[in-house]
């Protein structure tokens, strides 16, 4: 199911079809099998109102979860840009040879991180290994330069490089932090049963409500999935901070 919720358009289509199917199934049961009795309508309306209220609440709760995760990814991008820019300045503390090497590697690293956010490296199977290679070269260069002239000042460059790696790990964790599958399953089930009950309810307005409510709920599901998905969503984190940092590092 995780592959499905990664695609907001698939979520919209599946939710819409499932809810329409449930609504018209309820309508068929009422008309062809067992009509709703008059003395049952009050209790039925209470259950229907409660289920629709619960659906609205869980949609709002899921939307809040998605937004918080989107903000987490944005904050992680800003932290990465800040760490890279700071270390680029701290490279001046290293010996000249190591400083030049670190600056060049940091430019490459910043470009790799920008490609990650823009999704340009997802089709490249070597992107992950290339990132690890640059990280290893950065670490070995900084450690070599600091070991040649050990001092508390040079220790700042080692600490700064460690911060770069930590922020990259935080970014990865933020991208993996998604709305739980169980929450999606619960939301979809409530939507299906709510539309089933709505279809079973006597109506004086024809089938318009059976068409409109599934569309509205499906749009909400699409928006939640779109914000929550860092990969295929139309709403994504644009690495403005990293781009500014990479631009500032150009000669």
Protein backbone atom coordinates (compact mmCIF):
# COMPACT_ATOMS: atom_id res chain seq x y z
CA UNK A 1 0.00 0.00 0.00
CA UNK A 2 2.94 2.32 0.59
CA UNK A 3 3.63 2.44 -3.16
CA UNK A 4 0.03 3.53 -3.74
CA UNK A 5 0.03 6.38 -1.22
CA UNK A 6 3.28 7.63 -2.76
CA UNK A 7 1.20 8.59 -5.80
CA UNK A 8 -1.49 11.20 -4.97
CA UNK A 9 -3.26 10.64 -8.30
CA UNK A 10 -3.63 6.92 -7.56
CA UNK A 11 -4.99 7.79 -4.11
CA UNK A 12 -7.58 10.12 -5.67
CA UNK A 13 -8.72 7.57 -8.25
CA UNK A 14 -8.95 4.65 -5.83
CA UNK A 15 -10.71 6.70 -3.14
CA UNK A 16 -13.22 8.09 -5.65
CA UNK A 17 -14.11 4.70 -7.14
CA UNK A 18 -14.34 3.03 -3.72
CA UNK A 19 -16.60 5.73 -2.29
CA UNK A 20 -18.85 5.89 -5.34
CA UNK A 21 -19.14 2.10 -5.24
CA UNK A 22 -20.06 2.17 -1.54
CA UNK A 23 -22.62 4.98 -2.01
CA UNK A 24 -24.45 3.32 -4.88
CA UNK A 25 -24.27 -0.06 -3.15
CA UNK A 26 -26.07 1.48 -0.18
CA UNK A 27 -28.62 3.02 -2.53
CA UNK A 28 -29.18 -0.37 -4.21
CA UNK A 29 -29.65 -2.12 -0.85
CA UNK A 30 -32.25 0.45 0.21
CA UNK A 31 -34.24 0.27 -3.03
CA UNK A 32 -34.03 -3.41 -3.90
CA UNK A 33 -33.47 -5.38 -0.71
CA UNK A 34 -34.56 -3.62 2.50
CA UNK A 35 -35.96 -0.09 2.65
CA UNK A 36 -35.32 1.99 5.76
CA UNK A 37 -38.28 1.87 8.14
CA UNK A 38 -39.75 5.04 9.62
CA UNK A 39 -39.01 4.07 13.23
CA UNK A 40 -35.35 3.41 12.29
CA UNK A 41 -34.65 6.77 10.68
CA UNK A 42 -33.85 8.72 13.87
CA UNK A 43 -31.22 6.23 15.01
CA UNK A 44 -29.92 5.85 11.48
CA UNK A 45 -29.51 9.62 11.09
CA UNK A 46 -27.57 9.71 14.37
CA UNK A 47 -25.18 7.03 13.14
CA UNK A 48 -24.82 8.72 9.75
CA UNK A 49 -24.08 12.12 11.30
CA UNK A 50 -21.57 10.56 13.68
CA UNK A 51 -19.75 8.71 10.90
CA UNK A 52 -19.54 11.83 8.72
CA UNK A 53 -18.28 13.86 11.67
CA UNK A 54 -15.65 11.23 12.42
CA UNK A 55 -14.61 11.24 8.75
CA UNK A 56 -14.18 15.03 8.83
CA UNK A 57 -12.15 14.82 12.04
CA UNK A 58 -9.77 12.13 10.80
CA UNK A 59 -9.29 13.98 7.49
CA UNK A 60 -8.39 17.12 9.42
CA UNK A 61 -6.07 15.16 11.71
CA UNK A 62 -4.34 13.48 8.74
CA UNK A 63 -3.96 16.82 6.98
CA UNK A 64 -2.29 18.24 10.08
CA UNK A 65 0.08 15.24 10.17
CA UNK A 66 0.97 15.74 6.49
CA UNK A 67 1.65 19.45 6.93
CA UNK A 68 3.90 18.83 9.95
CA UNK A 69 5.95 16.34 7.94
CA UNK A 70 6.20 18.76 5.04
CA UNK A 71 7.47 21.45 7.42
CA UNK A 72 9.98 18.95 8.79
CA UNK A 73 11.37 18.36 5.31
CA UNK A 74 11.59 22.12 4.68
CA UNK A 75 13.45 22.67 7.96
CA UNK A 76 15.82 19.83 7.14
CA UNK A 77 16.66 21.45 3.79
CA UNK A 78 17.44 24.74 5.50
CA UNK A 79 19.62 23.00 8.09
CA UNK A 80 21.59 21.24 5.35
CA UNK A 81 22.20 24.48 3.48
CA UNK A 82 23.33 26.23 6.66
CA UNK A 83 25.71 23.41 7.58
CA UNK A 84 27.28 23.32 4.10
CA UNK A 85 27.69 27.09 3.95
CA UNK A 86 29.26 27.23 7.42
CA UNK A 87 31.72 24.47 6.63
CA UNK A 88 32.66 26.18 3.37
CA UNK A 89 33.75 29.22 5.40
CA UNK A 90 35.50 27.12 8.03
CA UNK A 91 37.60 25.50 5.31
CA UNK A 92 39.82 28.61 5.53
CA UNK A 93 41.11 27.22 8.84
CA UNK A 94 42.64 24.22 7.10
CA UNK A 95 46.01 24.15 5.36
CA UNK A 96 45.84 25.60 1.84
CA UNK A 97 45.85 22.27 -0.03
CA UNK A 98 43.16 20.67 2.12
CA UNK A 99 41.11 23.88 2.14
CA UNK A 100 40.95 24.01 -1.66
CA UNK A 101 40.05 20.32 -1.82
CA UNK A 102 37.27 20.69 0.75
CA UNK A 103 35.76 23.68 -1.04
CA UNK A 104 35.69 21.81 -4.34
CA UNK A 105 34.11 18.74 -2.74
CA UNK A 106 31.53 20.87 -0.95
CA UNK A 107 30.45 22.38 -4.27
CA UNK A 108 29.98 18.87 -5.66
CA UNK A 109 28.16 17.79 -2.51
CA UNK A 110 25.80 20.78 -2.63
CA UNK A 111 24.92 19.98 -6.25
CA UNK A 112 24.21 16.38 -5.27
CA UNK A 113 21.87 17.49 -2.50
CA UNK A 114 20.05 19.86 -4.86
CA UNK A 115 19.57 17.02 -7.33
CA UNK A 116 18.18 14.91 -4.50
CA UNK A 117 15.51 17.46 -3.66
CA UNK A 118 14.65 18.07 -7.30
CA UNK A 119 14.41 14.34 -7.95
CA UNK A 120 17.05 14.35 -10.66
CA UNK A 121 19.02 11.52 -9.04
CA UNK A 122 16.16 9.03 -8.62
CA UNK A 123 16.73 7.49 -12.04
CA UNK A 124 20.48 7.31 -11.39
CA UNK A 125 21.31 4.15 -9.47
CA UNK A 126 24.82 5.39 -8.74
CA UNK A 127 23.63 8.59 -7.04
CA UNK A 128 23.69 7.02 -3.58
CA UNK A 129 27.17 5.59 -3.97
CA UNK A 130 28.45 8.87 -5.43
CA UNK A 131 27.12 10.74 -2.39
CA UNK A 132 28.83 8.34 0.00
CA UNK A 133 32.05 8.65 -1.98
CA UNK A 134 32.03 12.45 -1.69
CA UNK A 135 31.21 12.24 2.01
CA UNK A 136 34.15 9.90 2.59
CA UNK A 137 36.50 12.17 0.67
CA UNK A 138 35.32 15.21 2.62
CA UNK A 139 35.82 13.48 5.94
CA UNK A 140 39.25 12.11 5.12
CA UNK A 141 40.43 15.48 3.78
CA UNK A 142 39.25 17.39 6.84
CA UNK A 143 40.67 14.85 9.27
CA UNK A 144 44.00 14.81 7.45
CA UNK A 145 44.24 18.60 7.55
CA UNK A 146 43.25 18.80 11.22
CA UNK A 147 45.65 16.02 12.20
CA UNK A 148 48.55 17.78 10.50
CA UNK A 149 48.13 20.86 12.72
CA UNK A 150 45.88 19.84 15.64
CA UNK A 151 44.30 22.77 17.45
CA UNK A 152 40.92 23.73 18.97
CA UNK A 153 40.32 26.00 15.99
CA UNK A 154 40.82 23.24 13.45
CA UNK A 155 38.51 21.06 15.52
CA UNK A 156 35.72 23.37 14.36
CA UNK A 157 36.14 22.14 10.80
CA UNK A 158 35.83 18.53 11.93
CA UNK A 159 32.73 19.41 13.95
CA UNK A 160 31.27 21.29 11.00
CA UNK A 161 31.76 18.33 8.68
CA UNK A 162 30.09 16.07 11.20
CA UNK A 163 27.16 18.50 11.25
CA UNK A 164 26.81 18.21 7.46
CA UNK A 165 26.53 14.45 7.71
CA UNK A 166 24.08 14.69 10.61
CA UNK A 167 21.77 17.06 8.72
CA UNK A 168 21.82 14.77 5.70
CA UNK A 169 20.77 11.87 7.95
CA UNK A 170 18.03 14.05 9.46
CA UNK A 171 16.78 14.83 5.95
CA UNK A 172 16.60 11.15 5.08
CA UNK A 173 14.68 10.47 8.29
CA UNK A 174 12.28 13.32 7.49
CA UNK A 175 11.61 11.91 4.01
CA UNK A 176 10.88 8.48 5.48
CA UNK A 177 8.56 9.92 8.14
CA UNK A 178 5.14 9.47 6.53
CA UNK A 179 1.54 9.12 7.63
CA UNK A 180 1.22 5.52 8.89
CA UNK A 181 -0.46 3.02 6.58
CA UNK A 182 -2.86 2.12 9.39
CA UNK A 183 -4.07 5.73 9.51
CA UNK A 184 -4.71 5.67 5.75
CA UNK A 185 -6.58 2.36 6.03
CA UNK A 186 -8.75 3.69 8.87
CA UNK A 187 -9.53 6.89 6.96
CA UNK A 188 -10.51 5.01 3.81
CA UNK A 189 -12.68 2.53 5.72
CA UNK A 190 -14.55 5.31 7.50
CA UNK A 191 -15.09 7.07 4.17
CA UNK A 192 -16.41 3.88 2.55
CA UNK A 193 -18.86 3.09 5.37
CA UNK A 194 -19.98 6.73 5.57
CA UNK A 195 -20.85 6.70 1.88
CA UNK A 196 -22.54 3.32 2.27
CA UNK A 197 -24.76 4.77 5.00
CA UNK A 198 -25.39 7.90 2.95
CA UNK A 199 -26.50 5.79 0.00
CA UNK A 200 -28.83 3.78 2.21
CA UNK A 201 -30.51 6.93 3.56
CA UNK A 202 -33.77 8.11 1.98
CA UNK A 203 -33.22 11.28 -0.08
CA UNK A 204 -35.41 13.84 -1.75
CA UNK A 205 -32.58 15.30 -3.88
CA UNK A 206 -31.88 12.30 -6.05
CA UNK A 207 -28.35 10.95 -6.36
CA UNK A 208 -26.52 14.28 -6.27
CA UNK A 209 -25.22 13.76 -2.72
CA UNK A 210 -23.90 10.33 -3.71
CA UNK A 211 -21.78 11.98 -6.38
CA UNK A 212 -20.60 15.09 -4.53
CA UNK A 213 -19.44 13.69 -1.16
CA UNK A 214 -17.03 11.09 -2.67
CA UNK A 215 -15.52 13.79 -4.90
CA UNK A 216 -15.00 16.16 -1.97
CA UNK A 217 -13.48 13.45 0.24
CA UNK A 218 -11.27 12.20 -2.60
CA UNK A 219 -9.92 15.71 -3.20
CA UNK A 220 -9.06 15.88 0.50
CA UNK A 221 -7.30 12.51 0.26
CA UNK A 222 -5.39 13.73 -2.80
CA UNK A 223 -4.22 16.86 -0.98
CA UNK A 224 -3.12 14.88 2.07
CA UNK A 225 -1.23 12.34 -0.05
CA UNK A 226 0.29 15.11 -2.17
CA UNK A 227 1.67 17.03 0.81
CA UNK A 228 2.80 13.85 2.57
CA UNK A 229 4.62 12.43 -0.46
CA UNK A 230 8.15 13.81 -0.96
CA UNK A 231 8.57 11.92 -4.22
CA UNK A 232 5.59 12.23 -6.58
CA UNK A 233 3.61 15.10 -5.12
CA UNK A 234 2.90 18.32 -6.99
CA UNK A 235 3.60 20.15 -3.71
CA UNK A 236 7.26 19.49 -2.94
CA UNK A 237 10.16 21.05 -1.08
CA UNK A 238 12.15 23.25 -3.45
CA UNK A 239 15.77 23.58 -2.22
CA UNK A 240 15.95 27.37 -2.37
CA UNK A 241 18.42 27.51 0.53
CA UNK A 242 20.74 24.94 -1.02
CA UNK A 243 20.58 26.72 -4.36
CA UNK A 244 21.53 30.00 -2.70
CA UNK A 245 24.38 28.31 -0.87
CA UNK A 246 25.65 26.65 -4.06
CA UNK A 247 25.47 29.98 -5.88
CA UNK A 248 27.43 31.70 -3.10
CA UNK A 249 30.18 29.07 -3.35
CA UNK A 250 30.78 29.74 -7.03
CA UNK A 251 33.91 31.80 -7.77
